Amino acid sequence: VRIAGTLVGRAYEADPALLAQLVGEAIDAVGGATREVEVRLHPDDIAALTPLLQLAPHQRLSPDLSLSRGDLRVHAEAVRIDGTLEARLRGALDAVIRKAGASA
């Protein structure tokens, strides 16, 4: 998971449009069209994403130095999404393991 996270993080740095797409999907997932949404990102990611994203007035990007490049956390009212690379990769790995177990 750690090695995959490093590789994915580098992909986001090389192509910020990938991270911009993920941010858009995360905002949509929490109903960002109708509620206040804060997306926390590493400050360098915010700098790279600012020209790529058009956010509504009730949507904002906030710097969070505790996050690594490519990580994100979404806060919207009572909804919290941990979108760190580690959490996303562990979720994908768990899904593969569950699917393999169900097939056996």
N, C-alpha and C. Protein backbone atom coordinates (compact mmCIF):
# COMPACT_ATOMS: atom_id res chain seq x y z
N VAL A 1 0.83 -1.19 0.00
CA VAL A 1 0.00 0.00 0.00
C VAL A 1 0.87 1.25 0.00
N ARG A 2 1.93 1.24 0.78
CA ARG A 2 2.81 2.41 0.86
C ARG A 2 3.48 2.69 -0.48
N ILE A 3 3.97 1.62 -1.15
CA ILE A 3 4.63 1.80 -2.45
C ILE A 3 3.64 2.30 -3.49
N ALA A 4 2.45 1.70 -3.52
CA ALA A 4 1.42 2.14 -4.46
C ALA A 4 1.03 3.59 -4.19
N GLY A 5 0.94 3.96 -2.92
CA GLY A 5 0.61 5.34 -2.56
C GLY A 5 1.63 6.32 -3.08
N THR A 6 2.90 5.96 -2.98
CA THR A 6 3.96 6.83 -3.49
C THR A 6 3.82 7.01 -4.99
N LEU A 7 3.55 5.93 -5.70
CA LEU A 7 3.41 6.01 -7.15
C LEU A 7 2.19 6.84 -7.55
N VAL A 8 1.07 6.64 -6.88
CA VAL A 8 -0.14 7.40 -7.19
C VAL A 8 0.07 8.88 -6.86
N GLY A 9 0.72 9.15 -5.73
CA GLY A 9 1.01 10.54 -5.36
C GLY A 9 1.83 11.24 -6.42
N ARG A 10 2.79 10.53 -6.99
CA ARG A 10 3.62 11.11 -8.06
C ARG A 10 2.79 11.37 -9.30
N ALA A 11 1.84 10.49 -9.59
CA ALA A 11 0.96 10.70 -10.74
C ALA A 11 0.13 11.96 -10.57
N TYR A 12 -0.37 12.21 -9.35
CA TYR A 12 -1.14 13.42 -9.08
C TYR A 12 -0.27 14.67 -9.22
N GLU A 13 0.99 14.58 -8.79
CA GLU A 13 1.89 15.72 -8.94
C GLU A 13 2.17 16.00 -10.41
N ALA A 14 2.36 14.94 -11.20
CA ALA A 14 2.68 15.10 -12.61
C ALA A 14 1.47 15.59 -13.42
N ASP A 15 0.28 15.17 -13.01
CA ASP A 15 -0.93 15.55 -13.74
C ASP A 15 -2.01 15.98 -12.75
N PRO A 16 -2.00 17.26 -12.36
CA PRO A 16 -2.97 17.75 -11.38
C PRO A 16 -4.42 17.58 -11.81
N ALA A 17 -4.67 17.40 -13.10
CA ALA A 17 -6.05 17.21 -13.57
C ALA A 17 -6.65 15.93 -12.98
N LEU A 18 -5.81 14.93 -12.70
CA LEU A 18 -6.30 13.70 -12.06
C LEU A 18 -6.84 14.00 -10.66
N LEU A 19 -6.09 14.80 -9.92
CA LEU A 19 -6.52 15.17 -8.57
C LEU A 19 -7.74 16.09 -8.64
N ALA A 20 -7.78 16.97 -9.62
CA ALA A 20 -8.94 17.86 -9.78
C ALA A 20 -10.20 17.04 -10.01
N GLN A 21 -10.10 15.97 -10.80
CA GLN A 21 -11.24 15.09 -11.04
C GLN A 21 -11.68 14.42 -9.74
N LEU A 22 -10.71 13.97 -8.95
CA LEU A 22 -11.03 13.33 -7.67
C LEU A 22 -11.72 14.31 -6.72
N VAL A 23 -11.23 15.54 -6.68
CA VAL A 23 -11.85 16.56 -5.83
C VAL A 23 -13.29 16.80 -6.27
N GLY A 24 -13.52 16.90 -7.57
CA GLY A 24 -14.88 17.10 -8.08
C GLY A 24 -15.80 15.94 -7.71
N GLU A 25 -15.29 14.72 -7.82
CA GLU A 25 -16.09 13.55 -7.46
C GLU A 25 -16.39 13.53 -5.96
N ALA A 26 -15.42 13.92 -5.15
CA ALA A 26 -15.62 13.95 -3.70
C ALA A 26 -16.68 14.99 -3.32
N ILE A 27 -16.62 16.14 -3.95
CA ILE A 27 -17.62 17.19 -3.67
C ILE A 27 -19.01 16.70 -4.07
N ASP A 28 -19.11 16.07 -5.23
CA ASP A 28 -20.40 15.52 -5.67
C ASP A 28 -20.91 14.45 -4.71
N ALA A 29 -19.99 13.62 -4.19
CA ALA A 29 -20.37 12.51 -3.31
C ALA A 29 -21.03 12.98 -2.02
N VAL A 30 -20.67 14.17 -1.56
CA VAL A 30 -21.25 14.68 -0.31
C VAL A 30 -22.38 15.68 -0.57
N GLY A 31 -22.82 15.75 -1.81
CA GLY A 31 -23.91 16.67 -2.13
C GLY A 31 -23.46 18.12 -2.15
N GLY A 32 -22.27 18.34 -2.65
CA GLY A 32 -21.67 19.67 -2.65
C GLY A 32 -22.42 20.73 -3.43
N ALA A 33 -23.35 20.31 -4.27
CA ALA A 33 -24.11 21.30 -5.02
C ALA A 33 -25.06 22.08 -4.12
N THR A 34 -25.41 21.49 -2.97
CA THR A 34 -26.43 22.12 -2.11
C THR A 34 -25.96 22.39 -0.69
N ARG A 35 -24.72 22.06 -0.35
CA ARG A 35 -24.27 22.27 1.03
C ARG A 35 -22.85 22.81 1.06
N GLU A 36 -22.50 23.38 2.21
CA GLU A 36 -21.15 23.87 2.44
C GLU A 36 -20.18 22.69 2.42
N VAL A 37 -19.10 22.83 1.67
CA VAL A 37 -18.11 21.77 1.57
C VAL A 37 -16.71 22.37 1.70
N GLU A 38 -15.92 21.72 2.55
CA GLU A 38 -14.51 22.09 2.69
C GLU A 38 -13.68 20.88 2.27
N VAL A 39 -12.77 21.10 1.32
CA VAL A 39 -11.86 20.05 0.89
C VAL A 39 -10.48 20.43 1.39
N ARG A 40 -9.93 19.58 2.24
CA ARG A 40 -8.60 19.83 2.80
C ARG A 40 -7.57 19.09 1.97
N LEU A 41 -6.52 19.83 1.59
CA LEU A 41 -5.47 19.30 0.73
C LEU A 41 -4.12 19.83 1.18
N HIS A 42 -3.07 19.18 0.71
CA HIS A 42 -1.73 19.71 0.93
C HIS A 42 -1.65 21.06 0.21
N PRO A 43 -0.98 22.07 0.79
CA PRO A 43 -0.92 23.40 0.16
C PRO A 43 -0.38 23.39 -1.27
N ASP A 44 0.58 22.52 -1.57
CA ASP A 44 1.11 22.46 -2.94
C ASP A 44 0.05 21.96 -3.92
N ASP A 45 -0.82 21.06 -3.46
CA ASP A 45 -1.92 20.59 -4.31
C ASP A 45 -2.92 21.70 -4.57
N ILE A 46 -3.18 22.51 -3.56
CA ILE A 46 -4.11 23.63 -3.76
C ILE A 46 -3.57 24.57 -4.82
N ALA A 47 -2.28 24.87 -4.77
CA ALA A 47 -1.67 25.75 -5.76
C ALA A 47 -1.81 25.18 -7.17
N ALA A 48 -1.65 23.86 -7.29
CA ALA A 48 -1.75 23.23 -8.61
C ALA A 48 -3.20 23.14 -9.09
N LEU A 49 -4.15 23.00 -8.16
CA LEU A 49 -5.56 22.81 -8.53
C LEU A 49 -6.32 24.10 -8.77
N THR A 50 -5.90 25.17 -8.15
CA THR A 50 -6.65 26.43 -8.23
C THR A 50 -6.99 26.83 -9.67
N PRO A 51 -6.05 26.74 -10.62
CA PRO A 51 -6.44 27.12 -11.99
C PRO A 51 -7.33 26.08 -12.69
N LEU A 52 -7.44 24.88 -12.14
CA LEU A 52 -8.19 23.81 -12.79
C LEU A 52 -9.62 23.68 -12.30
N LEU A 53 -9.91 24.18 -11.10
CA LEU A 53 -11.23 24.00 -10.50
C LEU A 53 -12.02 25.29 -10.49
N GLN A 54 -13.31 25.15 -10.74
CA GLN A 54 -14.23 26.27 -10.56
C GLN A 54 -15.20 25.86 -9.48
N LEU A 55 -14.98 26.37 -8.29
CA LEU A 55 -15.80 26.00 -7.14
C LEU A 55 -16.92 27.01 -6.95
N ALA A 56 -18.03 26.53 -6.44
CA ALA A 56 -19.15 27.40 -6.07
C ALA A 56 -18.75 28.18 -4.82
N PRO A 57 -19.44 29.27 -4.52
CA PRO A 57 -19.09 30.07 -3.34
C PRO A 57 -19.14 29.29 -2.02
N HIS A 58 -19.95 28.24 -1.95
CA HIS A 58 -20.07 27.46 -0.71
C HIS A 58 -19.11 26.26 -0.69
N GLN A 59 -18.20 26.19 -1.65
CA GLN A 59 -17.20 25.14 -1.70
C GLN A 59 -15.83 25.80 -1.58
N ARG A 60 -14.95 25.22 -0.74
CA ARG A 60 -13.64 25.84 -0.59
C ARG A 60 -12.55 24.79 -0.39
N LEU A 61 -11.36 25.16 -0.79
CA LEU A 61 -10.18 24.35 -0.57
C LEU A 61 -9.43 24.94 0.62
N SER A 62 -9.00 24.09 1.54
CA SER A 62 -8.27 24.55 2.73
C SER A 62 -6.95 23.80 2.82
N PRO A 63 -5.87 24.52 3.11
CA PRO A 63 -4.58 23.85 3.26
C PRO A 63 -4.52 23.06 4.55
N ASP A 64 -3.88 21.90 4.48
CA ASP A 64 -3.70 21.05 5.65
C ASP A 64 -2.32 20.41 5.54
N LEU A 65 -1.40 20.90 6.35
CA LEU A 65 -0.02 20.42 6.30
C LEU A 65 0.14 18.99 6.82
N SER A 66 -0.89 18.45 7.47
CA SER A 66 -0.80 17.07 7.94
C SER A 66 -1.04 16.08 6.81
N LEU A 67 -1.51 16.57 5.65
CA LEU A 67 -1.78 15.70 4.51
C LEU A 67 -0.59 15.69 3.56
N SER A 68 -0.39 14.56 2.90
CA SER A 68 0.65 14.44 1.89
C SER A 68 0.08 14.84 0.54
N ARG A 69 0.96 15.07 -0.44
CA ARG A 69 0.51 15.37 -1.79
C ARG A 69 -0.38 14.23 -2.29
N GLY A 70 -1.54 14.56 -2.85
CA GLY A 70 -2.47 13.57 -3.35
C GLY A 70 -3.53 13.15 -2.35
N ASP A 71 -3.32 13.50 -1.06
CA ASP A 71 -4.31 13.18 -0.03
C ASP A 71 -5.40 14.25 -0.03
N LEU A 72 -6.58 13.87 0.44
CA LEU A 72 -7.62 14.87 0.66
C LEU A 72 -8.56 14.38 1.74
N ARG A 73 -9.18 15.34 2.38
CA ARG A 73 -10.25 15.07 3.35
C ARG A 73 -11.38 16.02 3.01
N VAL A 74 -12.60 15.51 3.06
CA VAL A 74 -13.77 16.32 2.71
C VAL A 74 -14.66 16.44 3.93
N HIS A 75 -15.07 17.66 4.23
CA HIS A 75 -15.96 17.94 5.35
C HIS A 75 -17.17 18.69 4.81
N ALA A 76 -18.34 18.13 5.10
CA ALA A 76 -19.59 18.76 4.69
C ALA A 76 -20.64 18.44 5.75
N GLU A 77 -21.00 19.43 6.56
CA GLU A 77 -21.94 19.25 7.66
C GLU A 77 -21.54 18.03 8.47
N ALA A 78 -22.35 16.99 8.53
CA ALA A 78 -22.04 15.82 9.35
C ALA A 78 -21.29 14.74 8.57
N VAL A 79 -20.90 15.02 7.33
CA VAL A 79 -20.22 14.04 6.48
C VAL A 79 -18.72 14.32 6.49
N ARG A 80 -17.95 13.26 6.70
CA ARG A 80 -16.49 13.35 6.64
C ARG A 80 -15.99 12.22 5.76
N ILE A 81 -15.15 12.55 4.78
CA ILE A 81 -14.56 11.53 3.92
C ILE A 81 -13.05 11.59 4.07
N ASP A 82 -12.46 10.44 4.41
CA ASP A 82 -11.01 10.32 4.46
C ASP A 82 -10.55 9.88 3.09
N GLY A 83 -10.03 10.80 2.33
CA GLY A 83 -9.57 10.50 0.98
C GLY A 83 -8.07 10.44 0.88
N THR A 84 -7.42 10.09 1.99
CA THR A 84 -5.97 9.95 1.91
C THR A 84 -5.65 8.79 0.97
N LEU A 85 -4.49 8.86 0.35
CA LEU A 85 -4.08 7.79 -0.55
C LEU A 85 -4.10 6.45 0.17
N GLU A 86 -3.60 6.42 1.39
CA GLU A 86 -3.55 5.17 2.14
C GLU A 86 -4.96 4.59 2.34
N ALA A 87 -5.90 5.44 2.73
CA ALA A 87 -7.27 4.97 2.95
C ALA A 87 -7.90 4.47 1.65
N ARG A 88 -7.67 5.18 0.55
CA ARG A 88 -8.24 4.76 -0.73
C ARG A 88 -7.63 3.45 -1.20
N LEU A 89 -6.32 3.31 -1.06
CA LEU A 89 -5.67 2.08 -1.49
C LEU A 89 -6.05 0.89 -0.61
N ARG A 90 -6.15 1.12 0.69
CA ARG A 90 -6.57 0.03 1.58
C ARG A 90 -8.00 -0.41 1.26
N GLY A 91 -8.86 0.54 0.95
CA GLY A 91 -10.23 0.21 0.56
C GLY A 91 -10.27 -0.62 -0.71
N ALA A 92 -9.45 -0.25 -1.69
CA ALA A 92 -9.39 -1.02 -2.94
C ALA A 92 -8.85 -2.42 -2.69
N LEU A 93 -7.81 -2.52 -1.87
CA LEU A 93 -7.23 -3.82 -1.55
C LEU A 93 -8.24 -4.70 -0.81
N ASP A 94 -8.95 -4.13 0.14
CA ASP A 94 -9.98 -4.88 0.87
C ASP A 94 -11.07 -5.39 -0.07
N ALA A 95 -11.46 -4.56 -1.04
CA ALA A 95 -12.49 -4.98 -2.00
C ALA A 95 -12.00 -6.15 -2.84
N VAL A 96 -10.75 -6.11 -3.25
CA VAL A 96 -10.18 -7.21 -4.04
C VAL A 96 -10.14 -8.48 -3.22
N ILE A 97 -9.73 -8.37 -1.96
CA ILE A 97 -9.66 -9.54 -1.09
C ILE A 97 -11.05 -10.13 -0.85
N ARG A 98 -12.05 -9.27 -0.60
CA ARG A 98 -13.43 -9.75 -0.41
C ARG A 98 -13.94 -10.47 -1.66
N LYS A 99 -13.65 -9.89 -2.83
CA LYS A 99 -14.11 -10.48 -4.08
C LYS A 99 -13.44 -11.84 -4.31
N ALA A 100 -12.14 -11.91 -4.00
CA ALA A 100 -11.42 -13.18 -4.15
C ALA A 100 -11.97 -14.22 -3.19
N GLY A 101 -12.30 -13.80 -1.97
CA GLY A 101 -12.86 -14.72 -0.98
C GLY A 101 -14.24 -15.21 -1.37
N ALA A 102 -15.04 -14.36 -1.99
CA ALA A 102 -16.39 -14.74 -2.42
C ALA A 102 -16.34 -15.68 -3.60
N SER A 103 -15.29 -15.58 -4.42
CA SER A 103 -15.15 -16.44 -5.59
C SER A 103 -14.66 -17.83 -5.23
N ALA A 104 -13.99 -17.94 -4.08
CA ALA A 104 -13.38 -19.23 -3.72
C ALA A 104 -14.40 -20.23 -3.23
